[in-house]
Amino acid sequence: MSSRLLSLVVVLVASLSFAQSKLQVKVLTASPEGFLVNSTLVSGAKDAVLVDAAFTVADAHRLVAAVLDSHKNLTHIYVTHGHPDHYFGAEVLKAAFPKAKLVALPETVAEIQKTAKAKVAQWKPLYGNNLTDKPLVPEVLKAKSLTLEGETLELVGPVQGDSEHNTAVWIPSLKTVIAGDVVYSGVHPWTAETRAESRKAWAATLDALAARGPTAVVPGHQKAELTSDPAAMGFVKTYLVDFDAAVASSKTAEEVQTKVKAKYPDLALDVIVKIGAEAQFAPAK
């Protein structure tokens, strides 16, 4: 190889490395009261995008502080799906950053419009002033991507995760998946809105995300001390198999809970497995 060609290769590799590291990702995990839900701040040199907006007023204020500390201009708040723990905090964020656009894909917006009032009625009595009573509805995104300082944030979905219309964010330059509630880490996955067939589809979603070869995967919920390890995708697949086995071999929700907790004694959010187990024995709607 000539010295000139070698120099050209070095320049190209250096340029590629710079392109891959232009954006930065910071994972912000909410309190246990906020179900340990993750919000993710994706930052460039000047601007930033926040993925998911937390649940409680207190956790949303902590997100505001994190954005302020970043000294970035928040351009968008993207909501991965219509569960309230991913968008109820948007009211606080929009008050702090009125120029930031609150956005989601059409299926997410439709679900929020359909369920927001009922979700307030369900959770407000438990949380009081720590929960909004007027959740904001995102604007509909027509494109399946966002652009941050020339970099593409690909919006993957809707896909089956813990509910039918989940989405994930794929950042090619970082080989990073912000997985929404397709992936969990260190906590019980939400299974209340799934049945055996939809859990198979959930596993297929995990396979599809894994096929992209991510080096980092941000779960929708996690223990705060954990990292964005792609192995969390395998954990969820195994958990779903074990959950199915527990349901198939049990006559009551209590039996399911006992078996799942025995298999996974160290996972956080026990209330999630309780609700999920009870849902498997509830009459079909």
C-alpha atoms as a PDB file:
ATOM      1  CA  MET A   1       0.000   0.000   0.000  1.00  0.00           C
ATOM      2  CA  SER A   2       1.450   3.399  -1.004  1.00  0.00           C
ATOM      3  CA  SER A   3       1.971   6.051   1.659  1.00  0.00           C
ATOM      4  CA  ARG A   4      -0.553   8.287  -0.102  1.00  0.00           C
ATOM      5  CA  LEU A   5      -3.200   5.554  -0.104  1.00  0.00           C
ATOM      6  CA  LEU A   6      -2.444   4.737   3.523  1.00  0.00           C
ATOM      7  CA  SER A   7      -2.886   8.388   4.464  1.00  0.00           C
ATOM      8  CA  LEU A   8      -6.223   8.461   2.652  1.00  0.00           C
ATOM      9  CA  VAL A   9      -7.404   5.370   4.539  1.00  0.00           C
ATOM     10  CA  VAL A  10      -6.395   6.941   7.861  1.00  0.00           C
ATOM     11  CA  VAL A  11      -8.346  10.098   7.014  1.00  0.00           C
ATOM     12  CA  LEU A  12     -11.422   8.099   6.016  1.00  0.00           C
ATOM     13  CA  VAL A  13     -11.334   6.014   9.182  1.00  0.00           C
ATOM     14  CA  ALA A  14     -10.927   9.120  11.319  1.00  0.00           C
ATOM     15  CA  SER A  15     -13.847  10.777   9.537  1.00  0.00           C
ATOM     16  CA  LEU A  16     -16.023   7.712  10.047  1.00  0.00           C
ATOM     17  CA  SER A  17     -15.118   7.587  13.739  1.00  0.00           C
ATOM     18  CA  PHE A  18     -16.069  11.247  14.129  1.00  0.00           C
ATOM     19  CA  ALA A  19     -19.383  10.678  12.367  1.00  0.00           C
ATOM     20  CA  GLN A  20     -20.201   7.754  14.605  1.00  0.00           C
ATOM     21  CA  SER A  21     -19.486   9.699  17.787  1.00  0.00           C
ATOM     22  CA  LYS A  22     -21.185  12.977  16.890  1.00  0.00           C
ATOM     23  CA  LEU A  23     -24.244  12.271  19.040  1.00  0.00           C
ATOM     24  CA  GLN A  24     -24.316  11.373  22.707  1.00  0.00           C
ATOM     25  CA  VAL A  25     -26.939   9.452  24.665  1.00  0.00           C
ATOM     26  CA  LYS A  26     -27.790   9.991  28.323  1.00  0.00           C
ATOM     27  CA  VAL A  27     -30.252   7.638  30.031  1.00  0.00           C
ATOM     28  CA  LEU A  28     -32.393   9.153  32.784  1.00  0.00           C
ATOM     29  CA  THR A  29     -34.177   6.600  34.971  1.00  0.00           C
ATOM     30  CA  ALA A  30     -37.212   7.704  36.964  1.00  0.00           C
ATOM     31  CA  SER A  31     -37.991   6.929  40.585  1.00  0.00           C
ATOM     32  CA  PRO A  32     -39.618   3.651  41.669  1.00  0.00           C
ATOM     33  CA  GLU A  33     -42.833   5.660  42.082  1.00  0.00           C
ATOM     34  CA  GLY A  34     -42.485   6.452  38.386  1.00  0.00           C
ATOM     35  CA  PHE A  35     -42.018   2.747  37.587  1.00  0.00           C
ATOM     36  CA  LEU A  36     -38.284   3.162  36.868  1.00  0.00           C
ATOM     37  CA  VAL A  37     -39.208   4.341  33.385  1.00  0.00           C
ATOM     38  CA  ASN A  38     -36.379   5.590  31.190  1.00  0.00           C
ATOM     39  CA  SER A  39     -36.198   8.838  29.306  1.00  0.00           C
ATOM     40  CA  THR A  40     -33.253   9.281  26.955  1.00  0.00           C
ATOM     41  CA  LEU A  41     -31.581  12.546  26.040  1.00  0.00           C
ATOM     42  CA  VAL A  42     -29.911  12.339  22.628  1.00  0.00           C
ATOM     43  CA  SER A  43     -27.601  15.316  22.192  1.00  0.00           C
ATOM     44  CA  GLY A  44     -25.588  16.871  19.423  1.00  0.00           C
ATOM     45  CA  ALA A  45     -23.282  19.863  19.651  1.00  0.00           C
ATOM     46  CA  LYS A  46     -26.136  22.331  20.197  1.00  0.00           C
ATOM     47  CA  ASP A  47     -29.496  20.552  19.980  1.00  0.00           C
ATOM     48  CA  ALA A  48     -31.114  17.593  21.685  1.00  0.00           C
ATOM     49  CA  VAL A  49     -34.083  15.233  21.425  1.00  0.00           C
ATOM     50  CA  LEU A  50     -35.729  13.666  24.467  1.00  0.00           C
ATOM     51  CA  VAL A  51     -37.251  10.208  24.049  1.00  0.00           C
ATOM     52  CA  ASP A  52     -40.163   9.691  26.470  1.00  0.00           C
ATOM     53  CA  ALA A  53     -41.335  12.127  29.115  1.00  0.00           C
ATOM     54  CA  ALA A  54     -41.739  10.188  32.395  1.00  0.00           C
ATOM     55  CA  PHE A  55     -44.867   9.744  34.509  1.00  0.00           C
ATOM     56  CA  THR A  56     -44.855  11.843  37.664  1.00  0.00           C
ATOM     57  CA  VAL A  57     -44.553  15.592  38.036  1.00  0.00           C
ATOM     58  CA  ALA A  58     -41.476  15.119  40.229  1.00  0.00           C
ATOM     59  CA  ASP A  59     -39.699  12.913  37.697  1.00  0.00           C
ATOM     60  CA  ALA A  60     -40.591  15.317  34.892  1.00  0.00           C
ATOM     61  CA  HIS A  61     -38.985  18.180  36.814  1.00  0.00           C
ATOM     62  CA  ARG A  62     -35.853  16.061  37.145  1.00  0.00           C
ATOM     63  CA  LEU A  63     -35.866  15.693  33.354  1.00  0.00           C
ATOM     64  CA  VAL A  64     -36.148  19.457  33.007  1.00  0.00           C
ATOM     65  CA  ALA A  65     -33.101  19.833  35.240  1.00  0.00           C
ATOM     66  CA  ALA A  66     -31.147  17.308  33.171  1.00  0.00           C
ATOM     67  CA  VAL A  67     -31.927  19.140  29.936  1.00  0.00           C
ATOM     68  CA  LEU A  68     -30.982  22.487  31.490  1.00  0.00           C
ATOM     69  CA  ASP A  69     -27.731  21.010  32.788  1.00  0.00           C
ATOM     70  CA  SER A  70     -26.930  19.757  29.288  1.00  0.00           C
ATOM     71  CA  HIS A  71     -27.038  23.326  27.927  1.00  0.00           C
ATOM     72  CA  LYS A  72     -28.679  21.973  24.767  1.00  0.00           C
ATOM     73  CA  ASN A  73     -31.607  23.323  22.792  1.00  0.00           C
ATOM     74  CA  LEU A  74     -34.419  20.780  23.123  1.00  0.00           C
ATOM     75  CA  THR A  75     -36.052  20.485  19.693  1.00  0.00           C
ATOM     76  CA  HIS A  76     -38.332  17.454  20.141  1.00  0.00           C
ATOM     77  CA  ILE A  77     -39.883  15.245  22.797  1.00  0.00           C
ATOM     78  CA  TYR A  78     -40.690  11.905  21.180  1.00  0.00           C
ATOM     79  CA  VAL A  79     -43.186   9.542  22.830  1.00  0.00           C
ATOM     80  CA  THR A  80     -42.563   5.876  22.028  1.00  0.00           C
ATOM     81  CA  HIS A  81     -46.072   4.635  22.830  1.00  0.00           C
ATOM     82  CA  GLY A  82     -49.316   5.459  24.584  1.00  0.00           C
ATOM     83  CA  HIS A  83     -48.695   4.239  28.129  1.00  0.00           C
ATOM     84  CA  PRO A  84     -49.042   7.154  30.574  1.00  0.00           C
ATOM     85  CA  ASP A  85     -45.672   6.601  32.231  1.00  0.00           C
ATOM     86  CA  HIS A  86     -44.086   7.666  28.945  1.00  0.00           C
ATOM     87  CA  TYR A  87     -45.954  10.930  28.339  1.00  0.00           C
ATOM     88  CA  PHE A  88     -47.764  12.264  31.432  1.00  0.00           C
ATOM     89  CA  GLY A  89     -44.643  14.282  32.295  1.00  0.00           C
ATOM     90  CA  ALA A  90     -44.786  16.136  28.986  1.00  0.00           C
ATOM     91  CA  GLU A  91     -46.887  18.922  30.512  1.00  0.00           C
ATOM     92  CA  VAL A  92     -43.998  19.910  32.793  1.00  0.00           C
ATOM     93  CA  LEU A  93     -41.457  19.607  29.985  1.00  0.00           C
ATOM     94  CA  LYS A  94     -43.462  21.711  27.554  1.00  0.00           C
ATOM     95  CA  ALA A  95     -43.890  24.411  30.189  1.00  0.00           C
ATOM     96  CA  ALA A  96     -40.115  24.540  30.588  1.00  0.00           C
ATOM     97  CA  PHE A  97     -39.307  24.186  26.882  1.00  0.00           C
ATOM     98  CA  PRO A  98     -42.265  25.628  24.956  1.00  0.00           C
ATOM     99  CA  LYS A  99     -40.452  25.553  21.609  1.00  0.00           C
ATOM    100  CA  ALA A 100     -39.805  21.805  21.805  1.00  0.00           C
ATOM    101  CA  LYS A 101     -42.226  19.802  19.675  1.00  0.00           C
ATOM    102  CA  LEU A 102     -44.076  16.975  21.437  1.00  0.00           C
ATOM    103  CA  VAL A 103     -44.449  14.287  18.767  1.00  0.00           C
ATOM    104  CA  ALA A 104     -45.364  10.640  18.220  1.00  0.00           C
ATOM    105  CA  LEU A 105     -46.374   8.297  15.431  1.00  0.00           C
ATOM    106  CA  PRO A 106     -50.083   8.218  14.471  1.00  0.00           C
ATOM    107  CA  GLU A 107     -50.889   4.992  16.318  1.00  0.00           C
ATOM    108  CA  THR A 108     -49.459   6.378  19.553  1.00  0.00           C
ATOM    109  CA  VAL A 109     -51.394   9.610  19.223  1.00  0.00           C
ATOM    110  CA  ALA A 110     -54.615   7.693  18.558  1.00  0.00           C
ATOM    111  CA  GLU A 111     -54.086   5.544  21.644  1.00  0.00           C
ATOM    112  CA  ILE A 112     -53.398   8.571  23.833  1.00  0.00           C
ATOM    113  CA  GLN A 113     -56.518  10.312  22.563  1.00  0.00           C
ATOM    114  CA  LYS A 114     -58.538   7.205  23.340  1.00  0.00           C
ATOM    115  CA  THR A 115     -57.154   6.363  26.776  1.00  0.00           C
ATOM    116  CA  ALA A 116     -55.738   9.504  28.430  1.00  0.00           C
ATOM    117  CA  LYS A 117     -58.891  10.465  30.337  1.00  0.00           C
ATOM    118  CA  ALA A 118     -59.316   6.962  31.745  1.00  0.00           C
ATOM    119  CA  LYS A 119     -55.641   6.794  32.720  1.00  0.00           C
ATOM    120  CA  VAL A 120     -55.947  10.033  34.675  1.00  0.00           C
ATOM    121  CA  ALA A 121     -58.999   8.640  36.470  1.00  0.00           C
ATOM    122  CA  GLN A 122     -57.081   5.444  37.243  1.00  0.00           C
ATOM    123  CA  TRP A 123     -53.867   6.969  38.580  1.00  0.00           C
ATOM    124  CA  LYS A 124     -54.694  10.467  39.862  1.00  0.00           C
ATOM    125  CA  PRO A 125     -56.280   9.222  43.130  1.00  0.00           C
ATOM    126  CA  LEU A 126     -53.041   7.381  43.940  1.00  0.00           C
ATOM    127  CA  TYR A 127     -50.610  10.169  43.032  1.00  0.00           C
ATOM    128  CA  GLY A 128     -52.537  13.360  43.738  1.00  0.00           C
ATOM    129  CA  ASN A 129     -50.573  16.495  42.896  1.00  0.00           C
ATOM    130  CA  ASN A 130     -47.657  14.406  41.661  1.00  0.00           C
ATOM    131  CA  LEU A 131     -49.582  13.567  38.484  1.00  0.00           C
ATOM    132  CA  THR A 132     -50.995  15.746  35.754  1.00  0.00           C
ATOM    133  CA  ASP A 133     -54.743  15.910  35.329  1.00  0.00           C
ATOM    134  CA  LYS A 134     -54.406  17.372  31.832  1.00  0.00           C
ATOM    135  CA  PRO A 135     -51.984  15.189  29.862  1.00  0.00           C
ATOM    136  CA  LEU A 136     -50.810  16.658  26.592  1.00  0.00           C
ATOM    137  CA  VAL A 137     -51.490  14.915  23.295  1.00  0.00           C
ATOM    138  CA  PRO A 138     -48.488  14.789  20.936  1.00  0.00           C
ATOM    139  CA  GLU A 139     -48.540  16.074  17.383  1.00  0.00           C
ATOM    140  CA  VAL A 140     -48.676  13.380  14.712  1.00  0.00           C
ATOM    141  CA  LEU A 141     -45.387  12.677  12.975  1.00  0.00           C
ATOM    142  CA  LYS A 142     -45.846  11.869   9.300  1.00  0.00           C
ATOM    143  CA  ALA A 143     -42.250  10.771   8.771  1.00  0.00           C
ATOM    144  CA  LYS A 144     -40.710   7.762  10.485  1.00  0.00           C
ATOM    145  CA  SER A 145     -37.563   9.583  11.466  1.00  0.00           C
ATOM    146  CA  LEU A 146     -36.258  12.616  13.275  1.00  0.00           C
ATOM    147  CA  THR A 147     -33.123  14.506  12.326  1.00  0.00           C
ATOM    148  CA  LEU A 148     -30.699  15.828  14.904  1.00  0.00           C
ATOM    149  CA  GLU A 149     -27.867  17.956  13.542  1.00  0.00           C
ATOM    150  CA  GLY A 150     -27.817  15.991  10.314  1.00  0.00           C
ATOM    151  CA  GLU A 151     -28.002  12.594  12.004  1.00  0.00           C
ATOM    152  CA  THR A 152     -30.990  10.295  11.514  1.00  0.00           C
ATOM    153  CA  LEU A 153     -33.023   8.918  14.392  1.00  0.00           C
ATOM    154  CA  GLU A 154     -35.067   6.157  12.767  1.00  0.00           C
ATOM    155  CA  LEU A 155     -38.466   5.427  14.325  1.00  0.00           C
ATOM    156  CA  VAL A 156     -39.129   1.697  14.222  1.00  0.00           C
ATOM    157  CA  GLY A 157     -42.739   0.627  14.458  1.00  0.00           C
ATOM    158  CA  PRO A 158     -45.399   0.253  15.403  1.00  0.00           C
ATOM    159  CA  VAL A 159     -44.230  -3.117  16.727  1.00  0.00           C
ATOM    160  CA  GLN A 160     -45.414  -5.542  19.366  1.00  0.00           C
ATOM    161  CA  GLY A 161     -43.813  -5.008  22.736  1.00  0.00           C
ATOM    162  CA  ASP A 162     -45.613  -4.896  26.049  1.00  0.00           C
ATOM    163  CA  SER A 163     -48.513  -3.503  24.031  1.00  0.00           C
ATOM    164  CA  GLU A 164     -49.504  -3.573  20.393  1.00  0.00           C
ATOM    165  CA  HIS A 165     -48.265  -0.200  19.185  1.00  0.00           C
ATOM    166  CA  ASN A 166     -44.796   0.198  20.639  1.00  0.00           C
ATOM    167  CA  THR A 167     -42.006   1.947  18.799  1.00  0.00           C
ATOM    168  CA  ALA A 168     -38.245   2.063  19.164  1.00  0.00           C
ATOM    169  CA  VAL A 169     -35.632   4.585  18.079  1.00  0.00           C
ATOM    170  CA  TRP A 170     -32.638   3.348  16.078  1.00  0.00           C
ATOM    171  CA  ILE A 171     -29.598   5.613  15.874  1.00  0.00           C
ATOM    172  CA  PRO A 172     -27.408   4.137  13.107  1.00  0.00           C
ATOM    173  CA  SER A 173     -24.368   6.319  13.787  1.00  0.00           C
ATOM    174  CA  LEU A 174     -24.251   5.086  17.393  1.00  0.00           C
ATOM    175  CA  LYS A 175     -25.575   1.566  16.732  1.00  0.00           C
ATOM    176  CA  THR A 176     -27.965   2.268  19.588  1.00  0.00           C
ATOM    177  CA  VAL A 177     -31.576   1.208  20.097  1.00  0.00           C
ATOM    178  CA  ILE A 178     -33.791   3.200  22.423  1.00  0.00           C
ATOM    179  CA  ALA A 179     -36.234   0.361  22.801  1.00  0.00           C
ATOM    180  CA  GLY A 180     -39.243   1.771  24.620  1.00  0.00           C
ATOM    181  CA  ASP A 181     -41.269  -0.960  26.278  1.00  0.00           C
ATOM    182  CA  VAL A 182     -39.969  -3.668  23.986  1.00  0.00           C
ATOM    183  CA  VAL A 183     -37.041  -4.159  26.365  1.00  0.00           C
ATOM    184  CA  TYR A 184     -36.794  -4.224  30.164  1.00  0.00           C
ATOM    185  CA  SER A 185     -33.756  -4.704  32.390  1.00  0.00           C
ATOM    186  CA  GLY A 186     -33.719  -5.685  36.046  1.00  0.00           C
ATOM    187  CA  VAL A 187     -37.482  -5.284  36.394  1.00  0.00           C
ATOM    188  CA  HIS A 188     -40.531  -7.378  35.601  1.00  0.00           C
ATOM    189  CA  PRO A 189     -41.800  -6.714  32.045  1.00  0.00           C
ATOM    190  CA  TRP A 190     -45.376  -5.468  31.733  1.00  0.00           C
ATOM    191  CA  THR A 191     -47.440  -8.427  30.488  1.00  0.00           C
ATOM    192  CA  ALA A 192     -50.958  -7.287  31.377  1.00  0.00           C
ATOM    193  CA  GLU A 193     -51.801  -6.313  27.792  1.00  0.00           C
ATOM    194  CA  THR A 194     -50.382  -9.463  26.229  1.00  0.00           C
ATOM    195  CA  ARG A 195     -51.431 -13.050  25.708  1.00  0.00           C
ATOM    196  CA  ALA A 196     -49.467 -16.055  24.459  1.00  0.00           C
ATOM    197  CA  GLU A 197     -49.741 -15.113  20.767  1.00  0.00           C
ATOM    198  CA  SER A 198     -48.810 -11.478  21.265  1.00  0.00           C
ATOM    199  CA  ARG A 199     -45.863 -12.534  23.407  1.00  0.00           C
ATOM    200  CA  LYS A 200     -44.617 -14.576  20.441  1.00  0.00           C
ATOM    201  CA  ALA A 201     -44.864 -11.439  18.331  1.00  0.00           C
ATOM    202  CA  TRP A 202     -43.005  -9.557  21.057  1.00  0.00           C
ATOM    203  CA  ALA A 203     -40.177 -12.091  20.862  1.00  0.00           C
ATOM    204  CA  ALA A 204     -40.077 -11.602  17.089  1.00  0.00           C
ATOM    205  CA  THR A 205     -39.716  -7.852  17.614  1.00  0.00           C
ATOM    206  CA  LEU A 206     -36.753  -8.509  19.879  1.00  0.00           C
ATOM    207  CA  ASP A 207     -35.177 -10.681  17.184  1.00  0.00           C
ATOM    208  CA  ALA A 208     -35.683  -7.953  14.595  1.00  0.00           C
ATOM    209  CA  LEU A 209     -34.022  -5.339  16.792  1.00  0.00           C
ATOM    210  CA  ALA A 210     -31.156  -7.695  17.605  1.00  0.00           C
ATOM    211  CA  ALA A 211     -30.610  -8.262  13.873  1.00  0.00           C
ATOM    212  CA  ARG A 212     -29.588  -4.609  13.545  1.00  0.00           C
ATOM    213  CA  GLY A 213     -26.511  -5.406  15.615  1.00  0.00           C
ATOM    214  CA  PRO A 214     -26.844  -2.741  18.301  1.00  0.00           C
ATOM    215  CA  THR A 215     -23.942  -2.169  20.663  1.00  0.00           C
ATOM    216  CA  ALA A 216     -26.217  -0.405  23.159  1.00  0.00           C
ATOM    217  CA  VAL A 217     -29.887  -0.994  23.974  1.00  0.00           C
ATOM    218  CA  VAL A 218     -31.772   1.402  26.244  1.00  0.00           C
ATOM    219  CA  PRO A 219     -34.693  -0.390  27.943  1.00  0.00           C
ATOM    220  CA  GLY A 220     -38.055   1.227  28.559  1.00  0.00           C
ATOM    221  CA  HIS A 221     -37.696   0.421  32.270  1.00  0.00           C
ATOM    222  CA  GLN A 222     -34.662  -0.629  34.268  1.00  0.00           C
ATOM    223  CA  LYS A 223     -32.898  -0.582  37.588  1.00  0.00           C
ATOM    224  CA  ALA A 224     -31.040   2.713  37.565  1.00  0.00           C
ATOM    225  CA  GLU A 225     -27.641   1.156  38.206  1.00  0.00           C
ATOM    226  CA  LEU A 226     -27.750  -1.059  35.114  1.00  0.00           C
ATOM    227  CA  THR A 227     -26.130  -0.238  31.778  1.00  0.00           C
ATOM    228  CA  SER A 228     -27.574  -0.269  28.260  1.00  0.00           C
ATOM    229  CA  ASP A 229     -26.511  -3.850  27.635  1.00  0.00           C
ATOM    230  CA  PRO A 230     -27.932  -5.561  24.514  1.00  0.00           C
ATOM    231  CA  ALA A 231     -28.190  -8.717  26.633  1.00  0.00           C
ATOM    232  CA  ALA A 232     -31.404  -7.254  28.054  1.00  0.00           C
ATOM    233  CA  MET A 233     -33.130  -8.346  24.837  1.00  0.00           C
ATOM    234  CA  GLY A 234     -32.260 -11.957  25.591  1.00  0.00           C
ATOM    235  CA  PHE A 235     -33.445 -11.528  29.170  1.00  0.00           C
ATOM    236  CA  VAL A 236     -36.885 -10.404  27.996  1.00  0.00           C
ATOM    237  CA  LYS A 237     -37.193 -13.304  25.542  1.00  0.00           C
ATOM    238  CA  THR A 238     -36.374 -15.796  28.276  1.00  0.00           C
ATOM    239  CA  TYR A 239     -38.714 -14.097  30.730  1.00  0.00           C
ATOM    240  CA  LEU A 240     -41.608 -14.315  28.269  1.00  0.00           C
ATOM    241  CA  VAL A 241     -41.020 -18.041  27.792  1.00  0.00           C
ATOM    242  CA  ASP A 242     -40.948 -18.555  31.549  1.00  0.00           C
ATOM    243  CA  PHE A 243     -44.040 -16.416  32.033  1.00  0.00           C
ATOM    244  CA  ASP A 244     -45.905 -18.461  29.415  1.00  0.00           C
ATOM    245  CA  ALA A 245     -44.871 -21.668  31.157  1.00  0.00           C
ATOM    246  CA  ALA A 246     -46.063 -20.337  34.503  1.00  0.00           C
ATOM    247  CA  VAL A 247     -49.444 -19.345  33.056  1.00  0.00           C
ATOM    248  CA  ALA A 248     -49.887 -22.681  31.269  1.00  0.00           C
ATOM    249  CA  SER A 249     -49.117 -24.669  34.409  1.00  0.00           C
ATOM    250  CA  SER A 250     -51.184 -22.605  36.852  1.00  0.00           C
ATOM    251  CA  LYS A 251     -54.841 -22.433  37.774  1.00  0.00           C
ATOM    252  CA  THR A 252     -54.723 -19.044  39.473  1.00  0.00           C
ATOM    253  CA  ALA A 253     -52.946 -15.722  39.176  1.00  0.00           C
ATOM    254  CA  GLU A 254     -51.408 -16.315  42.589  1.00  0.00           C
ATOM    255  CA  GLU A 255     -49.727 -19.471  41.305  1.00  0.00           C
ATOM    256  CA  VAL A 256     -48.282 -17.556  38.367  1.00  0.00           C
ATOM    257  CA  GLN A 257     -46.895 -14.867  40.656  1.00  0.00           C
ATOM    258  CA  THR A 258     -45.308 -17.436  42.943  1.00  0.00           C
ATOM    259  CA  LYS A 259     -43.614 -19.258  40.075  1.00  0.00           C
ATOM    260  CA  VAL A 260     -42.366 -16.135  38.315  1.00  0.00           C
ATOM    261  CA  LYS A 261     -41.045 -14.546  41.507  1.00  0.00           C
ATOM    262  CA  ALA A 262     -39.285 -17.780  42.417  1.00  0.00           C
ATOM    263  CA  LYS A 263     -37.636 -17.798  38.993  1.00  0.00           C
ATOM    264  CA  TYR A 264     -36.732 -14.101  39.154  1.00  0.00           C
ATOM    265  CA  PRO A 265     -36.322 -13.168  42.831  1.00  0.00           C
ATOM    266  CA  ASP A 266     -34.137 -10.127  42.201  1.00  0.00           C
ATOM    267  CA  LEU A 267     -36.305  -8.225  39.723  1.00  0.00           C
ATOM    268  CA  ALA A 268     -37.821  -4.905  40.767  1.00  0.00           C
ATOM    269  CA  LEU A 269     -41.474  -3.842  40.444  1.00  0.00           C
ATOM    270  CA  ASP A 270     -43.239  -6.893  41.865  1.00  0.00           C
ATOM    271  CA  VAL A 271     -46.554  -5.130  41.330  1.00  0.00           C
ATOM    272  CA  ILE A 272     -46.040  -5.555  37.585  1.00  0.00           C
ATOM    273  CA  VAL A 273     -45.979  -9.352  37.732  1.00  0.00           C
ATOM    274  CA  LYS A 274     -49.048  -9.260  39.992  1.00  0.00           C
ATOM    275  CA  ILE A 275     -51.035  -7.180  37.508  1.00  0.00           C
ATOM    276  CA  GLY A 276     -49.763  -9.236  34.573  1.00  0.00           C
ATOM    277  CA  ALA A 277     -50.679 -12.536  36.198  1.00  0.00           C
ATOM    278  CA  GLU A 278     -54.163 -11.345  37.108  1.00  0.00           C
ATOM    279  CA  ALA A 279     -54.753 -10.171  33.547  1.00  0.00           C
ATOM    280  CA  GLN A 280     -54.115 -13.659  32.163  1.00  0.00           C
ATOM    281  CA  PHE A 281     -57.107 -14.997  34.105  1.00  0.00           C
ATOM    282  CA  ALA A 282     -59.420 -12.050  33.497  1.00  0.00           C
ATOM    283  CA  PRO A 283     -62.452 -12.582  31.231  1.00  0.00           C
ATOM    284  CA  ALA A 284     -61.840 -11.612  27.621  1.00  0.00           C
ATOM    285  CA  LYS A 285     -63.194  -8.170  26.760  1.00  0.00           C
END
